[in-house]
Protein backbone atom coordinates (compact mmCIF):
# COMPACT_ATOMS: atom_id res chain seq x y z
CA MET A 1 35.56 58.01 -97.29
CA PRO A 2 37.61 55.59 -93.80
CA VAL A 3 36.15 52.60 -93.21
CA GLY A 4 33.34 52.05 -90.34
CA THR A 5 31.27 55.70 -91.06
CA LEU A 6 28.29 56.84 -92.91
CA PRO A 7 28.55 58.79 -96.20
CA THR A 8 25.89 61.67 -95.60
CA ASP A 9 25.25 62.97 -99.01
CA PRO A 10 22.34 61.56 -100.56
CA PRO A 11 22.65 59.03 -103.55
CA THR A 12 23.81 60.65 -106.94
CA ALA A 13 21.70 56.88 -109.05
CA LEU A 14 19.19 58.57 -111.51
CA LEU A 15 15.70 57.57 -110.56
CA MET A 16 14.59 56.19 -113.55
CA PRO A 17 12.07 53.05 -114.19
CA TYR A 18 13.46 49.66 -114.86
CA THR A 19 11.38 49.04 -118.11
CA LYS A 20 8.80 51.63 -119.90
CA SER A 21 6.17 49.90 -118.29
CA MET A 22 7.14 50.91 -115.37
CA LYS A 23 6.82 54.52 -116.18
CA LYS A 24 4.40 56.12 -114.07
CA GLN A 25 0.91 55.69 -115.73
CA PRO A 26 -2.68 56.68 -113.92
CA THR A 27 -3.88 53.58 -112.66
CA LYS A 28 -7.23 52.52 -114.62
CA LEU A 29 -9.32 50.17 -112.77
CA ASP A 30 -12.92 49.38 -114.83
CA MET A 31 -14.63 48.49 -111.53
CA SER A 32 -18.24 46.93 -113.49
CA ALA A 33 -15.39 45.03 -114.95
CA ILE A 34 -14.46 43.47 -112.12
CA MET A 35 -17.53 42.77 -111.02
CA ALA A 36 -18.96 41.27 -113.78
CA ASP A 37 -16.59 38.98 -113.37
CA TYR A 38 -16.61 38.41 -109.35
CA THR A 39 -20.37 38.26 -110.04
CA ALA A 40 -20.33 35.66 -112.66
CA LYS A 41 -18.40 33.75 -110.87
CA VAL A 42 -20.55 33.40 -107.86
CA ASN A 43 -22.86 32.63 -110.25
CA ALA A 44 -21.13 30.24 -111.76
CA GLU A 45 -20.41 28.26 -108.00
CA ALA A 46 -24.04 28.62 -107.24
CA LYS A 47 -25.50 26.76 -110.36
CA ARG A 48 -22.47 24.13 -109.60
CA ARG A 49 -23.82 23.85 -106.05
CA GLU A 50 -27.46 23.42 -107.39
CA GLU A 51 -27.09 20.92 -109.74
CA ILE A 52 -24.69 19.84 -106.83
CA LEU A 53 -28.35 19.10 -104.56
CA LYS A 54 -30.52 18.63 -107.82
CA ALA A 55 -28.35 15.16 -108.37
CA HIS A 56 -28.49 14.15 -104.72
CA ALA A 57 -31.94 14.54 -103.91
CA GLU A 58 -33.07 11.99 -107.39
CA GLY A 59 -30.08 9.80 -105.87
CA THR A 60 -28.02 10.12 -109.21
CA TYR A 61 -25.16 12.79 -107.24
CA GLN A 62 -22.23 9.94 -107.07
CA ALA A 63 -18.83 11.58 -104.83
CA PRO A 64 -15.20 12.09 -105.71
CA ASP A 65 -13.58 8.57 -105.29
CA PRO A 66 -11.89 9.69 -102.25
CA ALA A 67 -8.94 7.76 -103.71
CA THR A 68 -8.95 10.49 -106.17
CA TYR A 69 -7.35 13.18 -102.88
CA GLY A 70 -6.11 10.66 -101.35
CA THR A 71 -6.46 9.69 -97.55
CA TRP A 72 -4.95 12.88 -95.20
CA THR A 73 -3.88 11.70 -90.81
CA VAL A 74 -4.61 14.75 -89.03
CA SER A 75 -3.43 14.48 -85.41
CA ASP A 76 -2.43 17.17 -82.46
CA ARG A 77 -0.02 14.51 -81.09
CA ASP A 78 3.27 13.65 -83.64
């Protein structure tokens, strides 16, 4: 093929998956397990928030030390 021309023939490489796990398999999503996991995360977050509010109302809540997270100086003037 001369330099500067484009091939017109389709590629002849075999279309094979890279690994056995990449072979076409039916996709099965267990939506009930996904929703159960999400619901558990939401419930855990709600419980954590309730515990913080309760401790704050009792006066026993201690905020995290700011030095742990560092100090950020945010400015739009650079």
